[in-house]
Amino acid sequence: MRPITLLSALFALAAAPATAFSPEDVMSGQMRPGWQLPDGGHMTALHIALAPGWKTYWRSPGDAGIPPMFDWTGSENLASVRFHWPRPHVFELNGLQTVGYKGELVLPIEVIPADPSRPVHLKGSVELGVCDDICLPAALPFDLVIDGPGAPDPVIDAALADRPLPAAKAGLRGIGCAIDPIADGIRITATLDLPGEAGETVIFESGKDGVWVSEAAATRSGPTLVAKAEMVPPQGKPFALDRSAVTVTVLSDQRAVEIRGCPAP
C-alpha cells in the first residue's frame, strides 16, 4: 500500500458505518498531574481508558491507524514536551497491520516549563482514532495547572517501566543499514546482530516529517535479523536520509527494543 494522507485517513474514520457508538461511549481520558523532576520539569501523563475490544494507536501506527495529535494552544509557561511511549502491540485486521494499545493507554509526558519557578498551565486537546470493528475519530480536551512538587503516581511509573528497551540493554551487538534508491523514494535494509526470536515485527521511522514508510519485511537467522522497508517522501523521488534521525523498533510478544540511528554497514 502506498502513502495515504492524514486527511484521507481521517475521512475514512469519519465515513465508518452508522452505529449507536460515539467516542464518549467507548473512550474516556484525563491528564494525570504527576510529579516534579529534579531538573525543574514535570512528569505528567495522558491516560486513555477504552471499552473492551477497542484500541488506539502508537506514534507510528501503520497504514490503517491515526497517531495521537496534540494541540497545546492555550497553554502557558510551556517550553516543550517529551513523550515517553510505552511498549505498543501489533494488530492484524483484514490484511492490514496496525500498532497501538488495547484497553488503555498511559502516555507519560515530560513537561518542560519556560520558567521553572512558575506554574505550567496545560490547555489544549488531543485528537486520536479509536477502533474496534469500526473506527471513530475522537477528541479529548484537557485543562491542567501544574504547580508544586506533585506526588508519585504508580500508574505513570508502570508506563515508564514498560518502555522499549534501549539497544545496549537489549543486547544489540551491531546494526548496519544499506540505502538503495527506488523510483519514488528509497529502500532501507537493516541488518541487526540482536538476540531474539522469529516472528518479530520491525518498524522503521525516518525522523523526517511527511515521509511514508512501508510495513517492513523481516527475517531472522540465529542472532541476525534483517528488515527491509520503503520510504517515500511527498515529492515522490529518492532523497537524502539523515541516518542519525532513523529509529528502528523491534516488537515481539515478550519485549520491545528501540534503536536510535541507523549507520552504514
Protein backbone atom coordinates (compact mmCIF):
# COMPACT_ATOMS: atom_id res chain seq x y z
CA MET A 1 0.00 0.00 0.00
CA ARG A 2 1.38 3.42 -0.99
CA PRO A 3 1.09 6.57 1.14
CA ILE A 4 -2.28 7.71 2.39
CA THR A 5 -2.70 11.28 3.57
CA LEU A 6 -3.81 12.23 7.05
CA LEU A 7 -6.85 13.94 5.54
CA SER A 8 -7.94 10.79 3.68
CA ALA A 9 -7.33 8.67 6.77
CA LEU A 10 -9.48 10.94 8.90
CA PHE A 11 -12.16 10.89 6.19
CA ALA A 12 -12.09 7.09 6.26
CA LEU A 13 -12.61 7.14 10.00
CA ALA A 14 -15.46 9.59 9.76
CA ALA A 15 -17.06 7.53 6.99
CA ALA A 16 -17.46 4.43 9.16
CA PRO A 17 -20.92 2.83 9.02
CA ALA A 18 -23.54 4.46 11.19
CA THR A 19 -23.81 2.83 14.61
CA ALA A 20 -25.06 3.68 18.05
CA PHE A 21 -21.46 4.32 19.17
CA SER A 22 -20.00 7.74 19.86
CA PRO A 23 -16.48 8.46 21.17
CA GLU A 24 -17.92 9.09 24.62
CA ASP A 25 -19.35 5.56 24.64
CA VAL A 26 -16.01 3.86 24.07
CA MET A 27 -13.36 6.21 25.46
CA SER A 28 -12.66 8.43 28.43
CA GLY A 29 -9.48 10.22 29.38
CA GLN A 30 -7.66 12.60 31.65
CA MET A 31 -4.28 14.20 32.23
CA ARG A 32 -2.59 12.76 35.33
CA PRO A 33 -0.74 15.57 37.20
CA GLY A 34 2.32 13.52 38.22
CA TRP A 35 5.38 14.97 39.93
CA GLN A 36 8.19 17.50 39.60
CA LEU A 37 11.55 16.30 38.27
CA PRO A 38 14.94 17.29 39.71
CA ASP A 39 15.74 19.44 36.64
CA GLY A 40 12.61 21.56 37.10
CA GLY A 41 10.49 19.71 34.57
CA HIS A 42 7.38 17.75 35.43
CA MET A 43 6.28 14.20 34.61
CA THR A 44 2.60 14.01 33.69
CA ALA A 45 0.65 11.52 31.57
CA LEU A 46 -2.29 11.25 29.22
CA HIS A 47 -4.48 8.40 30.48
CA ILE A 48 -6.97 6.99 27.96
CA ALA A 49 -9.41 4.24 29.07
CA LEU A 50 -11.08 2.24 26.29
CA ALA A 51 -14.13 -0.01 26.26
CA PRO A 52 -13.47 -3.76 25.89
CA GLY A 53 -12.24 -4.62 22.39
CA TRP A 54 -11.38 -1.04 21.43
CA LYS A 55 -7.88 0.20 20.66
CA THR A 56 -5.99 3.38 19.85
CA TYR A 57 -2.64 3.97 18.18
CA TRP A 58 1.10 4.40 18.69
CA ARG A 59 3.19 7.26 17.29
CA SER A 60 3.84 5.17 14.12
CA PRO A 61 0.50 3.36 13.75
CA GLY A 62 0.72 1.67 10.35
CA ASP A 63 -1.31 2.45 7.23
CA ALA A 64 -4.71 1.96 8.87
CA GLY A 65 -4.15 3.94 12.08
CA ILE A 66 -4.03 7.55 13.21
CA PRO A 67 -1.43 8.61 15.80
CA PRO A 68 -2.44 10.93 18.65
CA MET A 69 -2.11 14.56 17.57
CA PHE A 70 -1.71 17.16 20.31
CA ASP A 71 -2.71 20.81 20.15
CA TRP A 72 -1.19 22.79 23.01
CA THR A 73 -2.91 26.04 22.07
CA GLY A 74 -3.91 27.89 25.23
CA SER A 75 -1.06 26.51 27.34
CA GLU A 76 1.03 28.94 29.38
CA ASN A 77 4.66 28.78 30.52
CA LEU A 78 5.20 25.70 28.35
CA ALA A 79 8.57 25.47 26.57
CA SER A 80 8.35 21.91 25.22
CA VAL A 81 7.14 18.39 25.89
CA ARG A 82 8.78 14.97 25.52
CA PHE A 83 6.74 11.81 25.06
CA HIS A 84 7.79 8.52 26.72
CA TRP A 85 5.85 5.93 24.71
CA PRO A 86 5.17 2.59 26.44
CA ARG A 87 5.60 -0.66 24.52
CA PRO A 88 2.91 -0.96 21.84
CA HIS A 89 1.35 -4.10 20.37
CA VAL A 90 0.82 -5.24 16.79
CA PHE A 91 -2.70 -5.91 15.47
CA GLU A 92 -3.77 -7.52 12.20
CA LEU A 93 -7.16 -6.79 10.64
CA ASN A 94 -8.23 -7.50 7.05
CA GLY A 95 -4.61 -7.90 5.97
CA LEU A 96 -3.55 -4.58 7.47
CA GLN A 97 -1.02 -4.21 10.27
CA THR A 98 -1.55 -1.54 12.90
CA VAL A 99 0.39 -0.73 16.04
CA GLY A 100 -1.15 0.56 19.23
CA TYR A 101 -2.84 -0.16 22.53
CA LYS A 102 -5.95 -2.06 23.59
CA GLY A 103 -7.86 -1.38 26.80
CA GLU A 104 -5.94 1.69 27.89
CA LEU A 105 -3.05 3.96 27.05
CA VAL A 106 -0.96 5.71 29.69
CA LEU A 107 1.39 8.02 27.81
CA PRO A 108 3.93 9.72 30.10
CA ILE A 109 4.62 13.29 29.01
CA GLU A 110 7.63 15.18 30.32
CA VAL A 111 6.69 18.87 30.53
CA ILE A 112 9.47 21.47 30.27
CA PRO A 113 8.43 24.90 31.63
CA ALA A 114 9.70 28.14 30.13
CA ASP A 115 10.20 29.41 33.69
CA PRO A 116 10.64 26.61 36.27
CA SER A 117 9.73 28.96 39.11
CA ARG A 118 6.19 29.46 37.75
CA PRO A 119 3.24 27.05 37.33
CA VAL A 120 2.56 25.49 33.93
CA HIS A 121 -0.94 25.65 32.52
CA LEU A 122 -1.56 22.79 30.08
CA LYS A 123 -4.58 23.62 27.95
CA GLY A 124 -5.47 22.15 24.59
CA SER A 125 -6.69 18.89 23.13
CA VAL A 126 -5.58 15.59 21.64
CA GLU A 127 -7.15 14.03 18.54
CA LEU A 128 -6.92 10.28 18.02
CA GLY A 129 -8.55 7.37 16.31
CA VAL A 130 -10.27 4.61 18.31
CA CYS A 131 -11.17 1.35 16.59
CA ASP A 132 -12.91 -1.98 17.08
CA ASP A 133 -14.87 -3.40 14.12
CA ILE A 134 -15.32 0.23 13.08
CA CYS A 135 -13.21 3.33 13.69
CA LEU A 136 -14.21 6.65 15.20
CA PRO A 137 -12.35 9.97 15.31
CA ALA A 138 -12.19 11.28 18.86
CA ALA A 139 -11.02 14.47 20.56
CA LEU A 140 -10.19 14.91 24.22
CA PRO A 141 -9.77 18.42 25.67
CA PHE A 142 -7.51 18.94 28.67
CA ASP A 143 -7.00 21.79 31.13
CA LEU A 144 -4.49 21.22 33.92
CA VAL A 145 -2.42 23.55 36.09
CA ILE A 146 0.88 22.05 37.28
CA ASP A 147 2.29 23.68 40.37
CA GLY A 148 4.46 22.43 43.22
CA PRO A 149 6.17 19.08 43.74
CA GLY A 150 3.14 16.89 42.95
CA ALA A 151 3.14 13.27 44.13
CA PRO A 152 4.35 9.85 42.98
CA ASP A 153 1.94 8.05 40.68
CA PRO A 154 2.26 4.25 40.31
CA VAL A 155 0.21 4.31 37.08
CA ILE A 156 2.74 6.62 35.40
CA ASP A 157 5.63 4.66 36.91
CA ALA A 158 4.27 1.44 35.39
CA ALA A 159 4.04 3.04 31.94
CA LEU A 160 7.60 4.35 32.20
CA ALA A 161 8.81 0.88 33.19
CA ASP A 162 7.08 -0.59 30.12
CA ARG A 163 9.01 1.50 27.58
CA PRO A 164 11.00 -0.32 24.89
CA LEU A 165 14.46 -1.42 25.96
CA PRO A 166 17.37 0.68 24.69
CA ALA A 167 19.74 -1.06 22.29
CA ALA A 168 22.56 -1.75 24.75
CA LYS A 169 20.26 -3.23 27.40
CA ALA A 170 18.58 -5.46 24.80
CA GLY A 171 21.93 -6.96 23.78
CA LEU A 172 22.38 -5.28 20.39
CA ARG A 173 25.90 -6.01 19.17
CA GLY A 174 25.70 -4.11 15.93
CA ILE A 175 23.45 -2.58 13.25
CA GLY A 176 24.14 -1.58 9.68
CA CYS A 177 21.72 -0.02 7.21
CA ALA A 178 22.04 -0.10 3.43
CA ILE A 179 20.15 2.56 1.44
CA ASP A 180 19.10 2.00 -2.18
CA PRO A 181 17.13 4.37 -4.42
CA ILE A 182 13.77 3.30 -5.83
CA ALA A 183 11.55 5.11 -8.32
CA ASP A 184 9.70 7.22 -5.75
CA GLY A 185 11.97 7.14 -2.70
CA ILE A 186 14.46 4.80 -1.05
CA ARG A 187 14.65 1.27 0.29
CA ILE A 188 16.32 0.75 3.66
CA THR A 189 17.75 -2.64 4.65
CA ALA A 190 18.83 -3.00 8.27
CA THR A 191 20.98 -5.91 9.45
CA LEU A 192 20.98 -6.29 13.23
CA ASP A 193 23.07 -8.52 15.46
CA LEU A 194 20.40 -8.82 18.14
CA PRO A 195 19.24 -11.77 20.25
CA GLY A 196 15.60 -12.58 19.67
CA GLU A 197 13.13 -14.99 18.17
CA ALA A 198 11.26 -15.49 14.91
CA GLY A 199 8.02 -13.62 14.35
CA GLU A 200 9.23 -10.17 15.35
CA THR A 201 7.78 -7.03 13.82
CA VAL A 202 10.23 -4.32 12.78
CA ILE A 203 9.12 -0.71 12.41
CA PHE A 204 11.21 2.00 10.77
CA GLU A 205 10.71 5.70 11.44
CA SER A 206 12.54 8.11 9.15
CA GLY A 207 12.71 11.02 11.57
CA LYS A 208 11.52 13.30 8.74
CA ASP A 209 8.00 14.74 8.64
CA GLY A 210 5.78 13.64 5.78
CA VAL A 211 7.77 10.55 4.76
CA TRP A 212 5.61 7.45 4.31
CA VAL A 213 7.24 4.21 5.50
CA SER A 214 6.03 0.82 4.34
CA GLU A 215 5.41 -2.20 6.53
CA ALA A 216 8.80 -3.88 6.96
CA ALA A 217 9.62 -7.42 5.81
CA ALA A 218 11.78 -9.10 8.45
CA THR A 219 13.64 -12.41 8.57
CA ARG A 220 15.83 -13.91 11.28
CA SER A 221 18.68 -16.43 11.19
CA GLY A 222 20.02 -17.03 14.69
CA PRO A 223 21.14 -13.70 16.15
CA THR A 224 20.94 -11.93 12.75
CA LEU A 225 17.76 -10.01 11.99
CA VAL A 226 17.33 -8.45 8.54
CA ALA A 227 14.50 -5.99 7.86
CA LYS A 228 13.59 -4.05 4.72
CA ALA A 229 11.17 -1.19 4.14
CA GLU A 230 10.49 1.55 1.62
CA MET A 231 10.42 5.27 2.42
CA VAL A 232 8.56 7.64 0.11
CA PRO A 233 8.69 11.44 0.59
CA PRO A 234 5.95 13.84 -0.57
CA GLN A 235 7.92 14.73 -3.71
CA GLY A 236 7.98 11.04 -4.74
CA LYS A 237 11.67 10.67 -5.58
CA PRO A 238 14.90 9.48 -3.92
CA PHE A 239 16.10 11.68 -1.06
CA ALA A 240 18.98 12.02 1.39
CA LEU A 241 18.19 10.20 4.64
CA ASP A 242 19.59 11.50 7.92
CA ARG A 243 20.75 8.20 9.36
CA SER A 244 21.08 9.63 12.88
CA ALA A 245 17.37 10.51 12.90
CA VAL A 246 16.15 7.00 12.00
CA THR A 247 14.53 4.88 14.70
CA VAL A 248 14.25 1.11 14.39
CA THR A 249 11.83 -0.61 16.79
CA VAL A 250 11.70 -4.39 17.14
CA LEU A 251 8.48 -5.74 18.66
CA SER A 252 7.74 -9.25 19.89
CA ASP A 253 5.28 -10.80 22.33
CA GLN A 254 7.88 -10.61 25.09
CA ARG A 255 9.55 -7.23 24.66
CA ALA A 256 10.24 -4.17 22.54
CA VAL A 257 13.65 -2.80 21.57
CA GLU A 258 14.25 0.75 20.35
CA ILE A 259 17.39 1.58 18.36
CA ARG A 260 18.24 5.19 17.59
CA GLY A 261 20.33 5.79 14.49
CA CYS A 262 20.99 3.55 11.51
CA PRO A 263 24.68 3.76 10.42
CA ALA A 264 26.07 2.47 7.16
CA PRO A 265 27.16 -1.19 7.16
